[in-house]
C-alpha atoms as a PDB file:
ATOM      1  CA  MET A   1     -59.411 -28.640  98.641  1.00  0.00           C
ATOM      2  CA  GLU A   2     -60.061 -28.933  95.885  1.00  0.00           C
ATOM      3  CA  PRO A   3     -58.503 -30.414  93.020  1.00  0.00           C
ATOM      4  CA  GLU A   4     -57.022 -27.893  90.408  1.00  0.00           C
ATOM      5  CA  GLN A   5     -58.456 -28.291  87.344  1.00  0.00           C
ATOM      6  CA  GLU A   6     -57.399 -28.642  83.863  1.00  0.00           C
ATOM      7  CA  SER A   7     -56.683 -25.870  81.680  1.00  0.00           C
ATOM      8  CA  LEU A   8     -58.910 -24.909  78.023  1.00  0.00           C
ATOM      9  CA  ALA A   9     -55.234 -25.592  76.623  1.00  0.00           C
ATOM     10  CA  GLU A  10     -54.206 -28.889  78.457  1.00  0.00           C
ATOM     11  CA  ALA A  11     -57.524 -30.798  77.778  1.00  0.00           C
ATOM     12  CA  PHE A  12     -56.880 -29.773  74.246  1.00  0.00           C
ATOM     13  CA  TRP A  13     -53.252 -30.723  73.775  1.00  0.00           C
ATOM     14  CA  GLY A  14     -54.337 -33.790  75.504  1.00  0.00           C
ATOM     15  CA  VAL A  15     -56.631 -34.678  72.957  1.00  0.00           C
ATOM     16  CA  SER A  16     -54.515 -33.427  70.725  1.00  0.00           C
ATOM     17  CA  ARG A  17     -51.952 -35.784  71.097  1.00  0.00           C
ATOM     18  CA  ALA A  18     -54.299 -39.001  72.093  1.00  0.00           C
ATOM     19  CA  LEU A  19     -55.263 -38.013  68.261  1.00  0.00           C
ATOM     20  CA  ARG A  20     -51.668 -38.035  66.487  1.00  0.00           C
ATOM     21  CA  HIS A  21     -50.799 -41.213  68.675  1.00  0.00           C
ATOM     22  CA  GLN A  22     -53.987 -43.351  67.206  1.00  0.00           C
ATOM     23  CA  SER A  23     -53.141 -41.949  63.816  1.00  0.00           C
ATOM     24  CA  LYS A  24     -50.051 -43.570  64.342  1.00  0.00           C
ATOM     25  CA  ILE A  25     -51.952 -46.716  65.067  1.00  0.00           C
ATOM     26  CA  THR A  26     -54.123 -46.863  62.392  1.00  0.00           C
ATOM     27  CA  MET A  27     -51.871 -46.084  60.353  1.00  0.00           C
ATOM     28  CA  GLY A  28     -49.284 -48.675  61.216  1.00  0.00           C
ATOM     29  CA  PRO A  29     -50.938 -51.501  58.787  1.00  0.00           C
ATOM     30  CA  TYR A  30     -49.384 -49.158  55.641  1.00  0.00           C
ATOM     31  CA  ASP A  31     -45.958 -48.774  57.242  1.00  0.00           C
ATOM     32  CA  LEU A  32     -46.072 -44.939  56.646  1.00  0.00           C
ATOM     33  CA  THR A  33     -46.287 -42.358  58.772  1.00  0.00           C
ATOM     34  CA  PRO A  34     -48.809 -39.662  59.429  1.00  0.00           C
ATOM     35  CA  SER A  35     -47.640 -36.959  57.355  1.00  0.00           C
ATOM     36  CA  GLN A  36     -46.722 -39.454  54.860  1.00  0.00           C
ATOM     37  CA  GLY A  37     -50.434 -40.483  54.467  1.00  0.00           C
ATOM     38  CA  ARG A  38     -51.447 -36.316  54.743  1.00  0.00           C
ATOM     39  CA  ALA A  39     -49.397 -36.146  51.882  1.00  0.00           C
ATOM     40  CA  LEU A  40     -50.815 -39.047  49.770  1.00  0.00           C
ATOM     41  CA  GLY A  41     -54.397 -37.483  51.216  1.00  0.00           C
ATOM     42  CA  GLU A  42     -53.540 -34.245  49.589  1.00  0.00           C
ATOM     43  CA  LEU A  43     -52.512 -36.036  45.933  1.00  0.00           C
ATOM     44  CA  MET A  44     -55.684 -37.858  46.062  1.00  0.00           C
ATOM     45  CA  ARG A  45     -57.857 -34.315  47.092  1.00  0.00           C
ATOM     46  CA  HIS A  46     -56.286 -32.478  44.702  1.00  0.00           C
ATOM     47  CA  GLY A  47     -54.625 -34.242  42.109  1.00  0.00           C
ATOM     48  CA  ALA A  48     -51.026 -34.719  40.335  1.00  0.00           C
ATOM     49  CA  MET A  49     -48.395 -31.468  41.616  1.00  0.00           C
ATOM     50  CA  ARG A  50     -45.355 -29.480  42.385  1.00  0.00           C
ATOM     51  CA  PRO A  51     -43.889 -30.674  45.452  1.00  0.00           C
ATOM     52  CA  SER A  52     -43.917 -26.795  45.975  1.00  0.00           C
ATOM     53  CA  ASP A  53     -47.313 -27.007  45.975  1.00  0.00           C
ATOM     54  CA  LEU A  54     -47.555 -30.240  48.061  1.00  0.00           C
ATOM     55  CA  ALA A  55     -45.234 -28.083  50.790  1.00  0.00           C
ATOM     56  CA  ASP A  56     -48.411 -25.530  50.960  1.00  0.00           C
ATOM     57  CA  HIS A  57     -50.828 -27.898  51.013  1.00  0.00           C
ATOM     58  CA  LEU A  58     -48.916 -29.629  53.868  1.00  0.00           C
ATOM     59  CA  ARG A  59     -47.650 -26.735  55.015  1.00  0.00           C
ATOM     60  CA  ILE A  60     -44.488 -27.579  55.612  1.00  0.00           C
ATOM     61  CA  ALA A  61     -40.823 -26.311  53.873  1.00  0.00           C
ATOM     62  CA  PRO A  62     -40.799 -27.791  50.395  1.00  0.00           C
ATOM     63  CA  ARG A  63     -37.372 -29.627  51.094  1.00  0.00           C
ATOM     64  CA  SER A  64     -40.009 -31.581  53.433  1.00  0.00           C
ATOM     65  CA  ALA A  65     -41.850 -32.470  50.920  1.00  0.00           C
ATOM     66  CA  THR A  66     -39.312 -33.454  48.532  1.00  0.00           C
ATOM     67  CA  GLN A  67     -38.107 -35.896  51.251  1.00  0.00           C
ATOM     68  CA  PHE A  68     -41.897 -37.330  51.116  1.00  0.00           C
ATOM     69  CA  VAL A  69     -42.054 -37.177  47.782  1.00  0.00           C
ATOM     70  CA  ASP A  70     -38.448 -39.685  47.930  1.00  0.00           C
ATOM     71  CA  GLU A  71     -39.912 -41.997  50.591  1.00  0.00           C
ATOM     72  CA  LEU A  72     -43.367 -42.692  49.034  1.00  0.00           C
ATOM     73  CA  LEU A  73     -41.322 -42.723  45.167  1.00  0.00           C
ATOM     74  CA  GLU A  74     -39.361 -45.568  46.814  1.00  0.00           C
ATOM     75  CA  ARG A  75     -42.999 -47.293  47.847  1.00  0.00           C
ATOM     76  CA  GLY A  76     -43.833 -47.174  44.700  1.00  0.00           C
ATOM     77  CA  LEU A  77     -47.105 -44.815  45.900  1.00  0.00           C
ATOM     78  CA  VAL A  78     -45.927 -41.864  43.408  1.00  0.00           C
ATOM     79  CA  THR A  79     -44.210 -41.068  40.335  1.00  0.00           C
ATOM     80  CA  ARG A  80     -42.485 -38.440  38.782  1.00  0.00           C
ATOM     81  CA  GLN A  81     -43.342 -37.051  35.992  1.00  0.00           C
ATOM     82  CA  ALA A  82     -42.746 -33.816  33.408  1.00  0.00           C
ATOM     83  CA  ASP A  83     -45.481 -30.593  34.305  1.00  0.00           C
ATOM     84  CA  PRO A  84     -46.829 -30.500  30.067  1.00  0.00           C
ATOM     85  CA  SER A  85     -46.840 -26.673  31.095  1.00  0.00           C
ATOM     86  CA  ASP A  86     -43.401 -26.556  32.267  1.00  0.00           C
ATOM     87  CA  ARG A  87     -40.646 -29.120  30.872  1.00  0.00           C
ATOM     88  CA  ARG A  88     -38.261 -27.923  33.301  1.00  0.00           C
ATOM     89  CA  ALA A  89     -40.689 -29.022  36.801  1.00  0.00           C
ATOM     90  CA  THR A  90     -42.005 -32.126  37.479  1.00  0.00           C
ATOM     91  CA  LEU A  91     -45.426 -33.224  39.149  1.00  0.00           C
ATOM     92  CA  VAL A  92     -46.066 -35.989  41.466  1.00  0.00           C
ATOM     93  CA  VAL A  93     -48.515 -38.346  40.489  1.00  0.00           C
ATOM     94  CA  LEU A  94     -49.906 -41.276  42.599  1.00  0.00           C
ATOM     95  CA  THR A  95     -49.374 -44.972  41.299  1.00  0.00           C
ATOM     96  CA  ALA A  96     -52.607 -47.353  41.206  1.00  0.00           C
ATOM     97  CA  SER A  97     -50.774 -48.806  44.425  1.00  0.00           C
ATOM     98  CA  GLY A  98     -50.901 -44.675  45.833  1.00  0.00           C
ATOM     99  CA  GLU A  99     -54.124 -44.510  45.064  1.00  0.00           C
ATOM    100  CA  SER A 100     -55.519 -47.909  46.966  1.00  0.00           C
ATOM    101  CA  THR A 101     -53.402 -47.134  49.295  1.00  0.00           C
ATOM    102  CA  GLY A 102     -54.998 -43.822  50.418  1.00  0.00           C
ATOM    103  CA  GLN A 103     -57.982 -45.030  49.884  1.00  0.00           C
ATOM    104  CA  ALA A 104     -57.137 -47.742  52.482  1.00  0.00           C
ATOM    105  CA  ILE A 105     -56.187 -44.962  54.897  1.00  0.00           C
ATOM    106  CA  ARG A 106     -59.050 -42.901  54.183  1.00  0.00           C
ATOM    107  CA  ALA A 107     -61.537 -45.468  55.321  1.00  0.00           C
ATOM    108  CA  ALA A 108     -59.245 -46.107  58.099  1.00  0.00           C
ATOM    109  CA  ARG A 109     -59.248 -42.867  59.195  1.00  0.00           C
ATOM    110  CA  ARG A 110     -62.982 -42.174  58.580  1.00  0.00           C
ATOM    111  CA  ALA A 111     -63.321 -45.005  60.714  1.00  0.00           C
ATOM    112  CA  GLU A 112     -61.329 -43.782  63.930  1.00  0.00           C
ATOM    113  CA  SER A 113     -62.962 -40.501  63.587  1.00  0.00           C
ATOM    114  CA  GLU A 114     -65.848 -41.535  63.947  1.00  0.00           C
ATOM    115  CA  ARG A 115     -65.227 -44.244  66.987  1.00  0.00           C
ATOM    116  CA  VAL A 116     -63.739 -41.071  68.757  1.00  0.00           C
ATOM    117  CA  PHE A 117     -66.122 -38.342  67.451  1.00  0.00           C
ATOM    118  CA  GLY A 118     -69.115 -41.065  67.260  1.00  0.00           C
ATOM    119  CA  THR A 119     -69.265 -40.831  71.286  1.00  0.00           C
ATOM    120  CA  LEU A 120     -70.616 -37.184  70.942  1.00  0.00           C
ATOM    121  CA  SER A 121     -74.206 -36.837  70.280  1.00  0.00           C
ATOM    122  CA  GLU A 122     -74.677 -34.748  66.695  1.00  0.00           C
ATOM    123  CA  ARG A 123     -75.279 -31.451  68.183  1.00  0.00           C
ATOM    124  CA  ASP A 124     -72.099 -31.762  69.814  1.00  0.00           C
ATOM    125  CA  GLN A 125     -69.874 -32.778  67.028  1.00  0.00           C
ATOM    126  CA  ALA A 126     -71.497 -29.423  65.231  1.00  0.00           C
ATOM    127  CA  THR A 127     -70.239 -27.638  68.382  1.00  0.00           C
ATOM    128  CA  LEU A 128     -67.140 -28.669  68.462  1.00  0.00           C
ATOM    129  CA  GLY A 129     -66.567 -28.223  64.906  1.00  0.00           C
ATOM    130  CA  ARG A 130     -67.516 -24.762  64.658  1.00  0.00           C
ATOM    131  CA  ILE A 131     -64.985 -24.014  67.575  1.00  0.00           C
ATOM    132  CA  LEU A 132     -62.646 -26.118  66.246  1.00  0.00           C
ATOM    133  CA  ARG A 133     -62.802 -24.245  62.549  1.00  0.00           C
ATOM    134  CA  ALA A 134     -63.151 -20.674  64.897  1.00  0.00           C
ATOM    135  CA  LEU A 135     -59.998 -21.406  66.639  1.00  0.00           C
ATOM    136  CA  ARG A 136     -57.826 -22.010  63.147  1.00  0.00           C
ATOM    137  CA  GLU A 137     -59.443 -18.934  61.889  1.00  0.00           C
ATOM    138  CA  ALA A 138     -58.221 -16.756  64.770  1.00  0.00           C
ATOM    139  CA  ILE A 139     -54.407 -18.605  64.838  1.00  0.00           C
ATOM    140  CA  GLU A 140     -53.759 -18.416  61.183  1.00  0.00           C
ATOM    141  CA  THR A 141     -55.143 -14.719  61.314  1.00  0.00           C
END
């Protein structure tokens, strides 16, 4: 009797769990959670923004973004500044330390990504990218 084959969903979730675990290891030297690292990445990518906009980019509840901002603020990685277009609102802004930490995390993640996905041929990488984007689009619509 042939052993039961792993379903596509099981294989996908297995890879997803392994990538999340590896992300925690990669983030270890920075003493940040992967989610905090993602928040830094969004601020690097998009610049200063309101906490609610950060929540939108991270696809989390606004109060969770406030918690991330508070944690990053405590570590000196971000500051809060008045929004020049609306004095009642605040912007989250990377500090110099936040910028350098974000750059280091970006480099570490890039190296880890190259290590993992580099095991695939360029053609397989392109195919996987196309498939993952199609799946994400199918889920989001």
